[in-house]
Amino acid sequence: MRAKTTISDFRFEFAGYGHYKVTYTSPVTGKSWTAKTNDMPLIDATKNADDPKRCDLETLKRICKNG
């Protein structure tokens, strides 16, 4: 069964004005991927949201995995 992506699968580090280094860790394999992003609307929709939407979390996961 595929585990659902949650906000706890991500780690956010401030990387300068308007940039975040985001690390996604798979809850199934424990493997990690890291990417730097300046997509602040996506950061606001995930990190800064009370209840992030699944589609936003999947988009952020895709960014991490594809660099």
PDB file of N, CA and C in Angstrom:
ATOM      1  N   MET A   1       0.832  -1.203   0.000  1.00  0.00           N
ATOM      2  CA  MET A   1       0.000   0.000   0.000  1.00  0.00           C
ATOM      3  C   MET A   1       0.871   1.259   0.000  1.00  0.00           C
ATOM      4  N   ARG A   2       0.479   2.224  -0.766  1.00  0.00           N
ATOM      5  CA  ARG A   2       1.210   3.481  -0.842  1.00  0.00           C
ATOM      6  C   ARG A   2       0.871   4.369   0.341  1.00  0.00           C
ATOM      7  N   ALA A   3       1.906   4.884   0.989  1.00  0.00           N
ATOM      8  CA  ALA A   3       1.677   5.807   2.110  1.00  0.00           C
ATOM      9  C   ALA A   3       1.283   7.172   1.559  1.00  0.00           C
ATOM     10  N   LYS A   4       0.379   7.838   2.243  1.00  0.00           N
ATOM     11  CA  LYS A   4      -0.039   9.172   1.826  1.00  0.00           C
ATOM     12  C   LYS A   4       1.015  10.187   2.243  1.00  0.00           C
ATOM     13  N   THR A   5       1.259  11.143   1.382  1.00  0.00           N
ATOM     14  CA  THR A   5       2.231  12.197   1.661  1.00  0.00           C
ATOM     15  C   THR A   5       1.646  13.164   2.685  1.00  0.00           C
ATOM     16  N   THR A   6       2.408  13.429   3.748  1.00  0.00           N
ATOM     17  CA  THR A   6       1.978  14.380   4.772  1.00  0.00           C
ATOM     18  C   THR A   6       3.060  15.439   4.961  1.00  0.00           C
ATOM     19  N   ILE A   7       2.702  16.509   5.646  1.00  0.00           N
ATOM     20  CA  ILE A   7       3.648  17.609   5.873  1.00  0.00           C
ATOM     21  C   ILE A   7       4.833  17.147   6.720  1.00  0.00           C
ATOM     22  N   SER A   8       4.637  16.123   7.537  1.00  0.00           N
ATOM     23  CA  SER A   8       5.732  15.632   8.387  1.00  0.00           C
ATOM     24  C   SER A   8       6.808  14.900   7.588  1.00  0.00           C
ATOM     25  N   ASP A   9       6.556  14.605   6.311  1.00  0.00           N
ATOM     26  CA  ASP A   9       7.563  13.978   5.442  1.00  0.00           C
ATOM     27  C   ASP A   9       8.572  15.000   4.924  1.00  0.00           C
ATOM     28  N   PHE A  10       8.331  16.287   5.187  1.00  0.00           N
ATOM     29  CA  PHE A  10       9.181  17.356   4.659  1.00  0.00           C
ATOM     30  C   PHE A  10       9.925  18.074   5.773  1.00  0.00           C
ATOM     31  N   ARG A  11      11.127  18.548   5.438  1.00  0.00           N
ATOM     32  CA  ARG A  11      11.893  19.416   6.342  1.00  0.00           C
ATOM     33  C   ARG A  11      12.246  20.677   5.557  1.00  0.00           C
ATOM     34  N   PHE A  12      11.956  21.828   6.146  1.00  0.00           N
ATOM     35  CA  PHE A  12      12.171  23.120   5.485  1.00  0.00           C
ATOM     36  C   PHE A  12      13.303  23.862   6.170  1.00  0.00           C
ATOM     37  N   GLU A  13      14.239  24.385   5.370  1.00  0.00           N
ATOM     38  CA  GLU A  13      15.319  25.221   5.893  1.00  0.00           C
ATOM     39  C   GLU A  13      15.350  26.516   5.087  1.00  0.00           C
ATOM     40  N   PHE A  14      15.339  27.638   5.795  1.00  0.00           N
ATOM     41  CA  PHE A  14      15.440  28.933   5.128  1.00  0.00           C
ATOM     42  C   PHE A  14      16.802  29.018   4.447  1.00  0.00           C
ATOM     43  N   ALA A  15      16.822  29.401   3.183  1.00  0.00           N
ATOM     44  CA  ALA A  15      18.074  29.415   2.416  1.00  0.00           C
ATOM     45  C   ALA A  15      18.324  30.781   1.783  1.00  0.00           C
ATOM     46  N   GLY A  16      17.907  31.845   2.457  1.00  0.00           N
ATOM     47  CA  GLY A  16      18.088  33.179   1.911  1.00  0.00           C
ATOM     48  C   GLY A  16      16.752  33.766   1.521  1.00  0.00           C
ATOM     49  N   TYR A  17      16.759  35.032   1.208  1.00  0.00           N
ATOM     50  CA  TYR A  17      15.525  35.745   0.908  1.00  0.00           C
ATOM     51  C   TYR A  17      14.751  35.077  -0.219  1.00  0.00           C
ATOM     52  N   GLY A  18      13.538  34.611   0.081  1.00  0.00           N
ATOM     53  CA  GLY A  18      12.679  34.026  -0.936  1.00  0.00           C
ATOM     54  C   GLY A  18      13.066  32.627  -1.378  1.00  0.00           C
ATOM     55  N   HIS A  19      13.939  31.957  -0.636  1.00  0.00           N
ATOM     56  CA  HIS A  19      14.368  30.609  -1.008  1.00  0.00           C
ATOM     57  C   HIS A  19      14.285  29.669   0.198  1.00  0.00           C
ATOM     58  N   TYR A  20      13.893  28.449  -0.061  1.00  0.00           N
ATOM     59  CA  TYR A  20      13.885  27.411   0.962  1.00  0.00           C
ATOM     60  C   TYR A  20      14.557  26.158   0.416  1.00  0.00           C
ATOM     61  N   LYS A  21      15.299  25.487   1.291  1.00  0.00           N
ATOM     62  CA  LYS A  21      15.828  24.173   0.972  1.00  0.00           C
ATOM     63  C   LYS A  21      14.841  23.188   1.583  1.00  0.00           C
ATOM     64  N   VAL A  22      14.242  22.347   0.751  1.00  0.00           N
ATOM     65  CA  VAL A  22      13.212  21.424   1.193  1.00  0.00           C
ATOM     66  C   VAL A  22      13.724  19.993   1.022  1.00  0.00           C
ATOM     67  N   THR A  23      13.609  19.205   2.083  1.00  0.00           N
ATOM     68  CA  THR A  23      14.001  17.802   2.034  1.00  0.00           C
ATOM     69  C   THR A  23      12.763  16.943   2.234  1.00  0.00           C
ATOM     70  N   TYR A  24      12.554  16.027   1.300  1.00  0.00           N
ATOM     71  CA  TYR A  24      11.458  15.064   1.409  1.00  0.00           C
ATOM     72  C   TYR A  24      12.057  13.717   1.792  1.00  0.00           C
ATOM     73  N   THR A  25      11.517  13.076   2.813  1.00  0.00           N
ATOM     74  CA  THR A  25      11.947  11.745   3.224  1.00  0.00           C
ATOM     75  C   THR A  25      10.771  10.789   3.062  1.00  0.00           C
ATOM     76  N   SER A  26      10.972   9.739   2.286  1.00  0.00           N
ATOM     77  CA  SER A  26       9.930   8.759   2.051  1.00  0.00           C
ATOM     78  C   SER A  26       9.625   8.000   3.340  1.00  0.00           C
ATOM     79  N   PRO A  27       8.353   7.939   3.733  1.00  0.00           N
ATOM     80  CA  PRO A  27       8.004   7.200   4.951  1.00  0.00           C
ATOM     81  C   PRO A  27       8.127   5.685   4.769  1.00  0.00           C
ATOM     82  N   VAL A  28       8.157   5.220   3.526  1.00  0.00           N
ATOM     83  CA  VAL A  28       8.233   3.792   3.245  1.00  0.00           C
ATOM     84  C   VAL A  28       9.683   3.315   3.199  1.00  0.00           C
ATOM     85  N   THR A  29      10.523   4.001   2.405  1.00  0.00           N
ATOM     86  CA  THR A  29      11.901   3.545   2.210  1.00  0.00           C
ATOM     87  C   THR A  29      12.907   4.266   3.100  1.00  0.00           C
ATOM     88  N   GLY A  30      12.542   5.454   3.589  1.00  0.00           N
ATOM     89  CA  GLY A  30      13.477   6.241   4.390  1.00  0.00           C
ATOM     90  C   GLY A  30      14.471   7.020   3.536  1.00  0.00           C
ATOM     91  N   LYS A  31      14.339   6.941   2.221  1.00  0.00           N
ATOM     92  CA  LYS A  31      15.220   7.659   1.297  1.00  0.00           C
ATOM     93  C   LYS A  31      14.851   9.138   1.254  1.00  0.00           C
ATOM     94  N   SER A  32      15.861  10.013   1.089  1.00  0.00           N
ATOM     95  CA  SER A  32      15.623  11.460   1.092  1.00  0.00           C
ATOM     96  C   SER A  32      16.048  12.108  -0.210  1.00  0.00           C
ATOM     97  N   TRP A  33      15.329  13.166  -0.568  1.00  0.00           N
ATOM     98  CA  TRP A  33      15.647  14.007  -1.725  1.00  0.00           C
ATOM     99  C   TRP A  33      15.574  15.456  -1.275  1.00  0.00           C
ATOM    100  N   THR A  34      16.483  16.279  -1.780  1.00  0.00           N
ATOM    101  CA  THR A  34      16.527  17.684  -1.391  1.00  0.00           C
ATOM    102  C   THR A  34      16.549  18.567  -2.630  1.00  0.00           C
ATOM    103  N   ALA A  35      15.850  19.689  -2.539  1.00  0.00           N
ATOM    104  CA  ALA A  35      15.853  20.673  -3.622  1.00  0.00           C
ATOM    105  C   ALA A  35      15.713  22.056  -3.018  1.00  0.00           C
ATOM    106  N   LYS A  36      16.238  23.049  -3.722  1.00  0.00           N
ATOM    107  CA  LYS A  36      16.065  24.439  -3.333  1.00  0.00           C
ATOM    108  C   LYS A  36      14.953  25.015  -4.196  1.00  0.00           C
ATOM    109  N   THR A  37      14.060  25.763  -3.581  1.00  0.00           N
ATOM    110  CA  THR A  37      12.962  26.343  -4.352  1.00  0.00           C
ATOM    111  C   THR A  37      12.729  27.798  -3.953  1.00  0.00           C
ATOM    112  N   ASN A  38      12.275  28.575  -4.932  1.00  0.00           N
ATOM    113  CA  ASN A  38      11.880  29.957  -4.659  1.00  0.00           C
ATOM    114  C   ASN A  38      10.383  30.115  -4.928  1.00  0.00           C
ATOM    115  N   ASP A  39       9.667  28.990  -4.974  1.00  0.00           N
ATOM    116  CA  ASP A  39       8.218  28.991  -5.210  1.00  0.00           C
ATOM    117  C   ASP A  39       7.507  29.285  -3.889  1.00  0.00           C
ATOM    118  N   MET A  40       7.483  30.561  -3.522  1.00  0.00           N
ATOM    119  CA  MET A  40       6.913  30.951  -2.235  1.00  0.00           C
ATOM    120  C   MET A  40       5.406  30.679  -2.125  1.00  0.00           C
ATOM    121  N   PRO A  41       4.615  30.793  -3.197  1.00  0.00           N
ATOM    122  CA  PRO A  41       3.204  30.407  -3.062  1.00  0.00           C
ATOM    123  C   PRO A  41       3.043  28.931  -2.655  1.00  0.00           C
ATOM    124  N   LEU A  42       3.915  28.062  -3.168  1.00  0.00           N
ATOM    125  CA  LEU A  42       3.866  26.655  -2.792  1.00  0.00           C
ATOM    126  C   LEU A  42       4.321  26.457  -1.348  1.00  0.00           C
ATOM    127  N   ILE A  43       5.340  27.180  -0.925  1.00  0.00           N
ATOM    128  CA  ILE A  43       5.800  27.116   0.471  1.00  0.00           C
ATOM    129  C   ILE A  43       4.678  27.591   1.399  1.00  0.00           C
ATOM    130  N   ASP A  44       4.017  28.677   1.030  1.00  0.00           N
ATOM    131  CA  ASP A  44       2.896  29.175   1.835  1.00  0.00           C
ATOM    132  C   ASP A  44       1.765  28.152   1.898  1.00  0.00           C
ATOM    133  N   ALA A  45       1.524  27.440   0.791  1.00  0.00           N
ATOM    134  CA  ALA A  45       0.436  26.470   0.729  1.00  0.00           C
ATOM    135  C   ALA A  45       0.758  25.170   1.470  1.00  0.00           C
ATOM    136  N   THR A  46       2.040  24.961   1.791  1.00  0.00           N
ATOM    137  CA  THR A  46       2.428  23.727   2.488  1.00  0.00           C
ATOM    138  C   THR A  46       2.948  24.042   3.886  1.00  0.00           C
ATOM    139  N   LYS A  47       4.126  24.597   3.975  1.00  0.00           N
ATOM    140  CA  LYS A  47       4.767  24.862   5.275  1.00  0.00           C
ATOM    141  C   LYS A  47       3.939  25.804   6.144  1.00  0.00           C
ATOM    142  N   ASN A  48       3.410  26.857   5.567  1.00  0.00           N
ATOM    143  CA  ASN A  48       2.721  27.886   6.347  1.00  0.00           C
ATOM    144  C   ASN A  48       1.209  27.676   6.444  1.00  0.00           C
ATOM    145  N   ALA A  49       0.706  26.561   5.907  1.00  0.00           N
ATOM    146  CA  ALA A  49      -0.738  26.299   5.947  1.00  0.00           C
ATOM    147  C   ALA A  49      -1.093  25.466   7.179  1.00  0.00           C
ATOM    148  N   ASP A  50      -2.273  25.709   7.725  1.00  0.00           N
ATOM    149  CA  ASP A  50      -2.746  24.916   8.866  1.00  0.00           C
ATOM    150  C   ASP A  50      -3.070  23.486   8.434  1.00  0.00           C
ATOM    151  N   ASP A  51      -3.654  23.346   7.246  1.00  0.00           N
ATOM    152  CA  ASP A  51      -4.034  22.039   6.729  1.00  0.00           C
ATOM    153  C   ASP A  51      -3.690  21.985   5.239  1.00  0.00           C
ATOM    154  N   PRO A  52      -2.431  21.639   4.905  1.00  0.00           N
ATOM    155  CA  PRO A  52      -2.014  21.671   3.499  1.00  0.00           C
ATOM    156  C   PRO A  52      -2.792  20.664   2.642  1.00  0.00           C
ATOM    157  N   LYS A  53      -3.052  21.055   1.398  1.00  0.00           N
ATOM    158  CA  LYS A  53      -3.777  20.191   0.471  1.00  0.00           C
ATOM    159  C   LYS A  53      -2.844  19.102  -0.057  1.00  0.00           C
ATOM    160  N   ARG A  54      -3.418  17.941  -0.316  1.00  0.00           N
ATOM    161  CA  ARG A  54      -2.633  16.810  -0.823  1.00  0.00           C
ATOM    162  C   ARG A  54      -1.956  17.159  -2.146  1.00  0.00           C
ATOM    163  N   CYS A  55      -2.654  17.875  -3.046  1.00  0.00           N
ATOM    164  CA  CYS A  55      -2.073  18.204  -4.352  1.00  0.00           C
ATOM    165  C   CYS A  55      -0.841  19.104  -4.194  1.00  0.00           C
ATOM    166  N   ASP A  56      -0.856  20.024  -3.221  1.00  0.00           N
ATOM    167  CA  ASP A  56       0.310  20.882  -2.981  1.00  0.00           C
ATOM    168  C   ASP A  56       1.481  20.070  -2.431  1.00  0.00           C
ATOM    169  N   LEU A  57       1.188  19.117  -1.551  1.00  0.00           N
ATOM    170  CA  LEU A  57       2.240  18.257  -1.007  1.00  0.00           C
ATOM    171  C   LEU A  57       2.849  17.378  -2.099  1.00  0.00           C
ATOM    172  N   GLU A  58       2.014  16.877  -2.992  1.00  0.00           N
ATOM    173  CA  GLU A  58       2.514  16.051  -4.102  1.00  0.00           C
ATOM    174  C   GLU A  58       3.378  16.882  -5.055  1.00  0.00           C
ATOM    175  N   THR A  59       2.989  18.134  -5.289  1.00  0.00           N
ATOM    176  CA  THR A  59       3.789  19.028  -6.141  1.00  0.00           C
ATOM    177  C   THR A  59       5.154  19.279  -5.503  1.00  0.00           C
ATOM    178  N   LEU A  60       5.167  19.528  -4.199  1.00  0.00           N
ATOM    179  CA  LEU A  60       6.426  19.766  -3.499  1.00  0.00           C
ATOM    180  C   LEU A  60       7.296  18.511  -3.508  1.00  0.00           C
ATOM    181  N   LYS A  61       6.682  17.364  -3.349  1.00  0.00           N
ATOM    182  CA  LYS A  61       7.425  16.095  -3.410  1.00  0.00           C
ATOM    183  C   LYS A  61       8.065  15.925  -4.786  1.00  0.00           C
ATOM    184  N   ARG A  62       7.308  16.240  -5.839  1.00  0.00           N
ATOM    185  CA  ARG A  62       7.830  16.130  -7.211  1.00  0.00           C
ATOM    186  C   ARG A  62       9.024  17.058  -7.411  1.00  0.00           C
ATOM    187  N   ILE A  63       8.943  18.288  -6.866  1.00  0.00           N
ATOM    188  CA  ILE A  63      10.062  19.230  -6.977  1.00  0.00           C
ATOM    189  C   ILE A  63      11.301  18.656  -6.284  1.00  0.00           C
ATOM    190  N   CYS A  64      11.118  18.089  -5.103  1.00  0.00           N
ATOM    191  CA  CYS A  64      12.256  17.505  -4.374  1.00  0.00           C
ATOM    192  C   CYS A  64      12.881  16.342  -5.137  1.00  0.00           C
ATOM    193  N   LYS A  65      12.053  15.478  -5.671  1.00  0.00           N
ATOM    194  CA  LYS A  65      12.579  14.289  -6.350  1.00  0.00           C
ATOM    195  C   LYS A  65      13.215  14.605  -7.687  1.00  0.00           C
ATOM    196  N   ASN A  66      12.730  15.651  -8.362  1.00  0.00           N
ATOM    197  CA  ASN A  66      13.258  15.984  -9.686  1.00  0.00           C
ATOM    198  C   ASN A  66      14.304  17.094  -9.660  1.00  0.00           C
ATOM    199  N   GLY A  67      14.546  17.668  -8.485  1.00  0.00           N
ATOM    200  CA  GLY A  67      15.585  18.667  -8.360  1.00  0.00           C
ATOM    201  C   GLY A  67      15.286  20.003  -8.874  1.00  0.00           C
TER     202      GLY A  67
END
